[in-house]
Amino acid sequence: MHFMRTHCYEIGGDVFSLAELESCVIRGNLPKPYYPKPPFVTAPKKSRGYLAYALEYVDARLCFVLNNGNKVNSPLVTILKPSTLNTQMTSLSKCFLNNHIKIELSKKTVTLPKVCDV
């Protein structure tokens, strides 16, 4: 995941690493994680420039999509396509939840992953 902080892109004269694009632009208006782990980065407190690029509305399913792509052992990262975006996001969300929800019938408990904390 080292490349998330070293590969950068220029957007409108501002330079963002992949980690900054994910954390500050794509997740811009989502609540910040309680226990962020790399490659998550926090925007500099003095800088608010990233807000000019932050998505105004962020679909909550995006959390599941980004968490699927951040797995170190994940062989593939899904490329989202505008024509099938809704279907892809639903499918990836279901996949993530199927792999991370623990149901213990004997204890009558359901354990959700941290990404579901509100």
N, C-alpha and C. Protein backbone atom coordinates (compact mmCIF):
# COMPACT_ATOMS: atom_id res chain seq x y z
N MET A 1 0.80 -1.18 0.00
CA MET A 1 0.00 0.00 0.00
C MET A 1 0.86 1.26 0.00
N HIS A 2 2.17 1.08 -0.05
CA HIS A 2 3.09 2.21 -0.06
C HIS A 2 2.79 3.14 -1.22
N PHE A 3 2.38 2.57 -2.37
CA PHE A 3 2.11 3.37 -3.55
C PHE A 3 0.98 4.37 -3.34
N MET A 4 0.11 4.11 -2.35
CA MET A 4 -1.02 5.00 -2.08
C MET A 4 -0.54 6.39 -1.65
N ARG A 5 0.64 6.46 -1.07
CA ARG A 5 1.15 7.75 -0.60
C ARG A 5 2.21 8.34 -1.53
N THR A 6 2.73 7.55 -2.44
CA THR A 6 3.81 8.04 -3.28
C THR A 6 3.37 8.38 -4.70
N HIS A 7 2.31 7.80 -5.19
CA HIS A 7 1.81 8.12 -6.53
C HIS A 7 0.85 9.29 -6.41
N CYS A 8 1.09 10.32 -7.20
CA CYS A 8 0.29 11.54 -7.08
C CYS A 8 -0.31 11.94 -8.43
N TYR A 9 -1.40 12.70 -8.33
CA TYR A 9 -2.08 13.19 -9.51
C TYR A 9 -2.36 14.67 -9.31
N GLU A 10 -2.23 15.43 -10.41
CA GLU A 10 -2.54 16.85 -10.36
C GLU A 10 -3.96 17.05 -10.84
N ILE A 11 -4.74 17.75 -10.04
CA ILE A 11 -6.12 18.04 -10.38
C ILE A 11 -6.34 19.54 -10.17
N GLY A 12 -6.62 20.24 -11.22
CA GLY A 12 -6.89 21.67 -11.12
C GLY A 12 -5.77 22.46 -10.46
N GLY A 13 -4.52 22.04 -10.65
CA GLY A 13 -3.39 22.74 -10.06
C GLY A 13 -3.02 22.26 -8.67
N ASP A 14 -3.84 21.39 -8.06
CA ASP A 14 -3.53 20.81 -6.76
C ASP A 14 -3.04 19.38 -6.95
N VAL A 15 -2.12 18.96 -6.10
CA VAL A 15 -1.54 17.62 -6.21
C VAL A 15 -2.07 16.77 -5.06
N PHE A 16 -2.58 15.57 -5.41
CA PHE A 16 -3.13 14.64 -4.43
C PHE A 16 -2.47 13.28 -4.59
N SER A 17 -2.12 12.66 -3.46
CA SER A 17 -1.69 11.25 -3.51
C SER A 17 -2.95 10.41 -3.64
N LEU A 18 -2.80 9.14 -3.96
CA LEU A 18 -3.96 8.25 -4.04
C LEU A 18 -4.66 8.19 -2.68
N ALA A 19 -3.88 8.17 -1.61
CA ALA A 19 -4.46 8.13 -0.27
C ALA A 19 -5.29 9.39 0.01
N GLU A 20 -4.79 10.54 -0.42
CA GLU A 20 -5.53 11.79 -0.23
C GLU A 20 -6.79 11.83 -1.09
N LEU A 21 -6.70 11.30 -2.31
CA LEU A 21 -7.89 11.24 -3.15
C LEU A 21 -8.98 10.41 -2.48
N GLU A 22 -8.60 9.26 -1.94
CA GLU A 22 -9.57 8.41 -1.27
C GLU A 22 -10.10 9.06 0.00
N SER A 23 -9.19 9.49 0.86
CA SER A 23 -9.57 9.98 2.19
C SER A 23 -10.23 11.35 2.18
N CYS A 24 -9.74 12.25 1.36
CA CYS A 24 -10.21 13.64 1.41
C CYS A 24 -11.19 14.00 0.31
N VAL A 25 -11.10 13.34 -0.83
CA VAL A 25 -11.98 13.70 -1.95
C VAL A 25 -13.15 12.73 -2.05
N ILE A 26 -12.86 11.44 -2.21
CA ILE A 26 -13.94 10.45 -2.36
C ILE A 26 -14.73 10.32 -1.06
N ARG A 27 -14.02 10.22 0.08
CA ARG A 27 -14.69 10.10 1.37
C ARG A 27 -14.91 11.47 2.01
N GLY A 28 -14.67 12.52 1.28
CA GLY A 28 -14.67 13.88 1.81
C GLY A 28 -15.76 14.24 2.79
N ASN A 29 -17.00 13.89 2.49
CA ASN A 29 -18.11 14.25 3.36
C ASN A 29 -18.66 13.07 4.16
N LEU A 30 -17.95 11.96 4.17
CA LEU A 30 -18.32 10.84 5.02
C LEU A 30 -17.71 11.05 6.39
N PRO A 31 -18.29 10.46 7.43
CA PRO A 31 -17.64 10.56 8.75
C PRO A 31 -16.26 9.92 8.69
N LYS A 32 -15.34 10.49 9.41
CA LYS A 32 -13.98 9.95 9.45
C LYS A 32 -13.95 8.70 10.33
N PRO A 33 -13.10 7.73 10.00
CA PRO A 33 -13.04 6.52 10.81
C PRO A 33 -12.54 6.79 12.22
N TYR A 34 -13.03 5.99 13.16
CA TYR A 34 -12.59 6.12 14.55
C TYR A 34 -11.14 5.71 14.71
N TYR A 35 -10.76 4.64 14.06
CA TYR A 35 -9.40 4.10 14.16
C TYR A 35 -8.82 3.96 12.76
N PRO A 36 -8.44 5.08 12.16
CA PRO A 36 -7.94 5.01 10.78
C PRO A 36 -6.65 4.20 10.69
N LYS A 37 -6.55 3.45 9.61
CA LYS A 37 -5.35 2.66 9.35
C LYS A 37 -4.80 3.07 7.99
N PRO A 38 -3.50 2.95 7.81
CA PRO A 38 -2.92 3.30 6.51
C PRO A 38 -3.61 2.50 5.42
N PRO A 39 -3.85 3.10 4.29
CA PRO A 39 -3.28 4.33 3.77
C PRO A 39 -4.11 5.58 4.08
N PHE A 40 -5.08 5.50 5.01
CA PHE A 40 -5.91 6.66 5.32
C PHE A 40 -5.04 7.84 5.77
N VAL A 41 -5.35 9.01 5.26
CA VAL A 41 -4.64 10.23 5.67
C VAL A 41 -5.68 11.27 6.07
N THR A 42 -5.31 12.12 6.98
CA THR A 42 -6.16 13.21 7.39
C THR A 42 -5.68 14.47 6.70
N ALA A 43 -6.62 15.26 6.22
CA ALA A 43 -6.25 16.51 5.55
C ALA A 43 -5.58 17.43 6.56
N PRO A 44 -4.59 18.20 6.11
CA PRO A 44 -3.95 19.16 7.02
C PRO A 44 -4.99 20.11 7.60
N LYS A 45 -4.88 20.39 8.90
CA LYS A 45 -5.88 21.24 9.57
C LYS A 45 -5.94 22.64 8.98
N LYS A 46 -4.83 23.14 8.49
CA LYS A 46 -4.80 24.49 7.94
C LYS A 46 -5.33 24.55 6.51
N SER A 47 -5.44 23.39 5.87
CA SER A 47 -5.85 23.35 4.47
C SER A 47 -7.31 22.91 4.35
N ARG A 48 -8.08 23.64 3.61
CA ARG A 48 -9.47 23.27 3.33
C ARG A 48 -9.65 23.13 1.82
N GLY A 49 -8.54 23.23 1.07
CA GLY A 49 -8.60 23.19 -0.38
C GLY A 49 -9.21 21.92 -0.94
N TYR A 50 -9.00 20.81 -0.26
CA TYR A 50 -9.52 19.54 -0.75
C TYR A 50 -11.06 19.56 -0.82
N LEU A 51 -11.69 20.40 0.01
CA LEU A 51 -13.15 20.46 0.02
C LEU A 51 -13.73 20.92 -1.31
N ALA A 52 -12.93 21.65 -2.08
CA ALA A 52 -13.38 22.08 -3.41
C ALA A 52 -13.59 20.87 -4.32
N TYR A 53 -12.91 19.77 -4.02
CA TYR A 53 -12.99 18.57 -4.84
C TYR A 53 -13.81 17.46 -4.19
N ALA A 54 -14.08 17.57 -2.89
CA ALA A 54 -14.78 16.52 -2.16
C ALA A 54 -16.17 16.30 -2.75
N LEU A 55 -16.55 15.06 -2.85
CA LEU A 55 -17.87 14.72 -3.36
C LEU A 55 -18.92 15.28 -2.40
N GLU A 56 -19.94 15.92 -2.95
CA GLU A 56 -20.99 16.50 -2.10
C GLU A 56 -21.85 15.40 -1.49
N TYR A 57 -22.27 14.46 -2.30
CA TYR A 57 -23.07 13.34 -1.81
C TYR A 57 -22.25 12.08 -1.98
N VAL A 58 -22.14 11.32 -0.93
CA VAL A 58 -21.40 10.06 -1.00
C VAL A 58 -22.34 8.94 -0.59
N ASP A 59 -22.52 8.00 -1.48
CA ASP A 59 -23.35 6.83 -1.22
C ASP A 59 -22.66 5.99 -0.15
N ALA A 60 -23.37 5.60 0.89
CA ALA A 60 -22.79 4.83 2.00
C ALA A 60 -22.19 3.51 1.53
N ARG A 61 -22.67 2.97 0.42
CA ARG A 61 -22.11 1.71 -0.10
C ARG A 61 -20.65 1.88 -0.50
N LEU A 62 -20.24 3.12 -0.71
CA LEU A 62 -18.86 3.38 -1.09
C LEU A 62 -17.88 2.88 -0.03
N CYS A 63 -18.29 2.92 1.24
CA CYS A 63 -17.44 2.40 2.32
C CYS A 63 -17.10 0.94 2.09
N PHE A 64 -18.09 0.15 1.67
CA PHE A 64 -17.86 -1.27 1.42
C PHE A 64 -16.99 -1.48 0.19
N VAL A 65 -17.23 -0.67 -0.84
CA VAL A 65 -16.45 -0.78 -2.07
C VAL A 65 -14.98 -0.47 -1.78
N LEU A 66 -14.73 0.62 -1.05
CA LEU A 66 -13.34 1.01 -0.75
C LEU A 66 -12.67 0.00 0.17
N ASN A 67 -13.41 -0.56 1.11
CA ASN A 67 -12.83 -1.56 2.00
C ASN A 67 -12.50 -2.85 1.25
N ASN A 68 -13.30 -3.20 0.24
CA ASN A 68 -12.96 -4.37 -0.58
C ASN A 68 -11.66 -4.13 -1.33
N GLY A 69 -11.47 -2.94 -1.85
CA GLY A 69 -10.29 -2.62 -2.64
C GLY A 69 -9.04 -2.45 -1.81
N ASN A 70 -9.17 -2.20 -0.50
CA ASN A 70 -8.02 -1.96 0.35
C ASN A 70 -7.40 -3.22 0.91
N LYS A 71 -8.01 -4.37 0.68
CA LYS A 71 -7.45 -5.60 1.21
C LYS A 71 -6.08 -5.83 0.60
N VAL A 72 -5.12 -6.07 1.44
CA VAL A 72 -3.75 -6.29 0.97
C VAL A 72 -3.69 -7.53 0.08
N ASN A 73 -4.45 -8.56 0.42
CA ASN A 73 -4.40 -9.82 -0.32
C ASN A 73 -5.38 -9.86 -1.49
N SER A 74 -6.10 -8.78 -1.72
CA SER A 74 -7.07 -8.75 -2.80
C SER A 74 -6.36 -8.80 -4.15
N PRO A 75 -6.64 -9.82 -4.96
CA PRO A 75 -5.96 -9.93 -6.24
C PRO A 75 -6.43 -8.91 -7.26
N LEU A 76 -7.66 -8.41 -7.09
CA LEU A 76 -8.21 -7.48 -8.06
C LEU A 76 -8.89 -6.31 -7.36
N VAL A 77 -8.77 -5.17 -7.95
CA VAL A 77 -9.52 -4.01 -7.49
C VAL A 77 -10.53 -3.71 -8.58
N THR A 78 -11.80 -3.66 -8.22
CA THR A 78 -12.85 -3.45 -9.19
C THR A 78 -12.77 -2.04 -9.77
N ILE A 79 -12.87 -1.97 -11.07
CA ILE A 79 -12.94 -0.68 -11.75
C ILE A 79 -14.41 -0.38 -11.94
N LEU A 80 -14.87 0.68 -11.31
CA LEU A 80 -16.28 1.05 -11.40
C LEU A 80 -16.55 1.74 -12.73
N LYS A 81 -17.68 1.38 -13.34
CA LYS A 81 -18.06 1.94 -14.63
C LYS A 81 -19.37 2.71 -14.49
N PRO A 82 -19.45 3.90 -15.04
CA PRO A 82 -20.68 4.70 -14.90
C PRO A 82 -21.94 3.95 -15.33
N SER A 83 -21.85 3.15 -16.38
CA SER A 83 -23.04 2.48 -16.91
C SER A 83 -23.58 1.39 -15.98
N THR A 84 -22.73 0.84 -15.11
CA THR A 84 -23.16 -0.24 -14.21
C THR A 84 -22.84 0.08 -12.75
N LEU A 85 -22.64 1.36 -12.44
CA LEU A 85 -22.20 1.77 -11.11
C LEU A 85 -23.12 1.27 -9.99
N ASN A 86 -24.42 1.47 -10.12
CA ASN A 86 -25.35 1.07 -9.08
C ASN A 86 -25.29 -0.44 -8.83
N THR A 87 -25.30 -1.21 -9.90
CA THR A 87 -25.24 -2.67 -9.78
C THR A 87 -23.92 -3.11 -9.16
N GLN A 88 -22.80 -2.51 -9.59
CA GLN A 88 -21.50 -2.87 -9.04
C GLN A 88 -21.41 -2.54 -7.55
N MET A 89 -21.89 -1.36 -7.17
CA MET A 89 -21.80 -0.97 -5.76
C MET A 89 -22.66 -1.88 -4.88
N THR A 90 -23.84 -2.25 -5.35
CA THR A 90 -24.69 -3.17 -4.59
C THR A 90 -24.03 -4.53 -4.48
N SER A 91 -23.49 -5.03 -5.57
CA SER A 91 -22.84 -6.33 -5.58
C SER A 91 -21.62 -6.36 -4.65
N LEU A 92 -20.78 -5.33 -4.73
CA LEU A 92 -19.59 -5.27 -3.87
C LEU A 92 -19.96 -5.11 -2.40
N SER A 93 -21.02 -4.37 -2.12
CA SER A 93 -21.48 -4.21 -0.74
C SER A 93 -21.96 -5.54 -0.18
N LYS A 94 -22.75 -6.26 -0.98
CA LYS A 94 -23.25 -7.58 -0.55
C LYS A 94 -22.09 -8.54 -0.32
N CYS A 95 -21.13 -8.53 -1.21
CA CYS A 95 -19.96 -9.40 -1.09
C CYS A 95 -19.20 -9.09 0.20
N PHE A 96 -18.95 -7.82 0.44
CA PHE A 96 -18.23 -7.42 1.65
C PHE A 96 -18.98 -7.87 2.90
N LEU A 97 -20.26 -7.59 2.95
CA LEU A 97 -21.06 -7.95 4.13
C LEU A 97 -21.15 -9.46 4.31
N ASN A 98 -21.29 -10.21 3.21
CA ASN A 98 -21.33 -11.67 3.31
C ASN A 98 -20.04 -12.22 3.91
N ASN A 99 -18.93 -11.57 3.63
CA ASN A 99 -17.63 -12.04 4.13
C ASN A 99 -17.29 -11.53 5.53
N HIS A 100 -18.01 -10.52 6.02
CA HIS A 100 -17.62 -9.90 7.28
C HIS A 100 -18.66 -9.91 8.39
N ILE A 101 -19.88 -10.28 8.09
CA ILE A 101 -20.90 -10.39 9.14
C ILE A 101 -20.80 -11.77 9.76
N LYS A 102 -20.80 -11.81 11.08
CA LYS A 102 -20.74 -13.08 11.81
C LYS A 102 -22.07 -13.29 12.52
N ILE A 103 -22.70 -14.41 12.23
CA ILE A 103 -23.97 -14.75 12.86
C ILE A 103 -23.77 -16.00 13.71
N GLU A 104 -24.07 -15.88 14.99
CA GLU A 104 -23.97 -17.01 15.91
C GLU A 104 -25.37 -17.33 16.40
N LEU A 105 -25.99 -18.32 15.77
CA LEU A 105 -27.36 -18.68 16.11
C LEU A 105 -27.48 -19.14 17.56
N SER A 106 -26.50 -19.90 18.04
CA SER A 106 -26.56 -20.42 19.40
C SER A 106 -26.57 -19.29 20.44
N LYS A 107 -25.88 -18.21 20.14
CA LYS A 107 -25.82 -17.06 21.05
C LYS A 107 -26.84 -15.98 20.68
N LYS A 108 -27.50 -16.18 19.56
CA LYS A 108 -28.45 -15.21 19.03
C LYS A 108 -27.80 -13.83 18.88
N THR A 109 -26.61 -13.82 18.26
CA THR A 109 -25.90 -12.56 18.05
C THR A 109 -25.49 -12.39 16.59
N VAL A 110 -25.43 -11.14 16.21
CA VAL A 110 -24.93 -10.77 14.89
C VAL A 110 -23.84 -9.75 15.12
N THR A 111 -22.64 -10.02 14.57
CA THR A 111 -21.52 -9.10 14.73
C THR A 111 -21.23 -8.46 13.37
N LEU A 112 -21.28 -7.12 13.36
CA LEU A 112 -21.03 -6.37 12.13
C LEU A 112 -19.59 -5.88 12.10
N PRO A 113 -19.03 -5.68 10.91
CA PRO A 113 -17.68 -5.14 10.82
C PRO A 113 -17.64 -3.68 11.25
N LYS A 114 -16.46 -3.18 11.61
CA LYS A 114 -16.28 -1.81 12.07
C LYS A 114 -16.80 -0.78 11.09
N VAL A 115 -16.73 -1.08 9.80
CA VAL A 115 -17.18 -0.12 8.78
C VAL A 115 -18.68 0.17 8.93
N CYS A 116 -19.41 -0.67 9.65
CA CYS A 116 -20.85 -0.47 9.87
C CYS A 116 -21.12 0.40 11.09
N ASP A 117 -20.11 0.71 11.88
CA ASP A 117 -20.32 1.57 13.06
C ASP A 117 -20.81 2.94 12.61
N VAL A 118 -21.77 3.44 13.31
CA VAL A 118 -22.32 4.75 12.96
C VAL A 118 -22.01 5.73 14.06
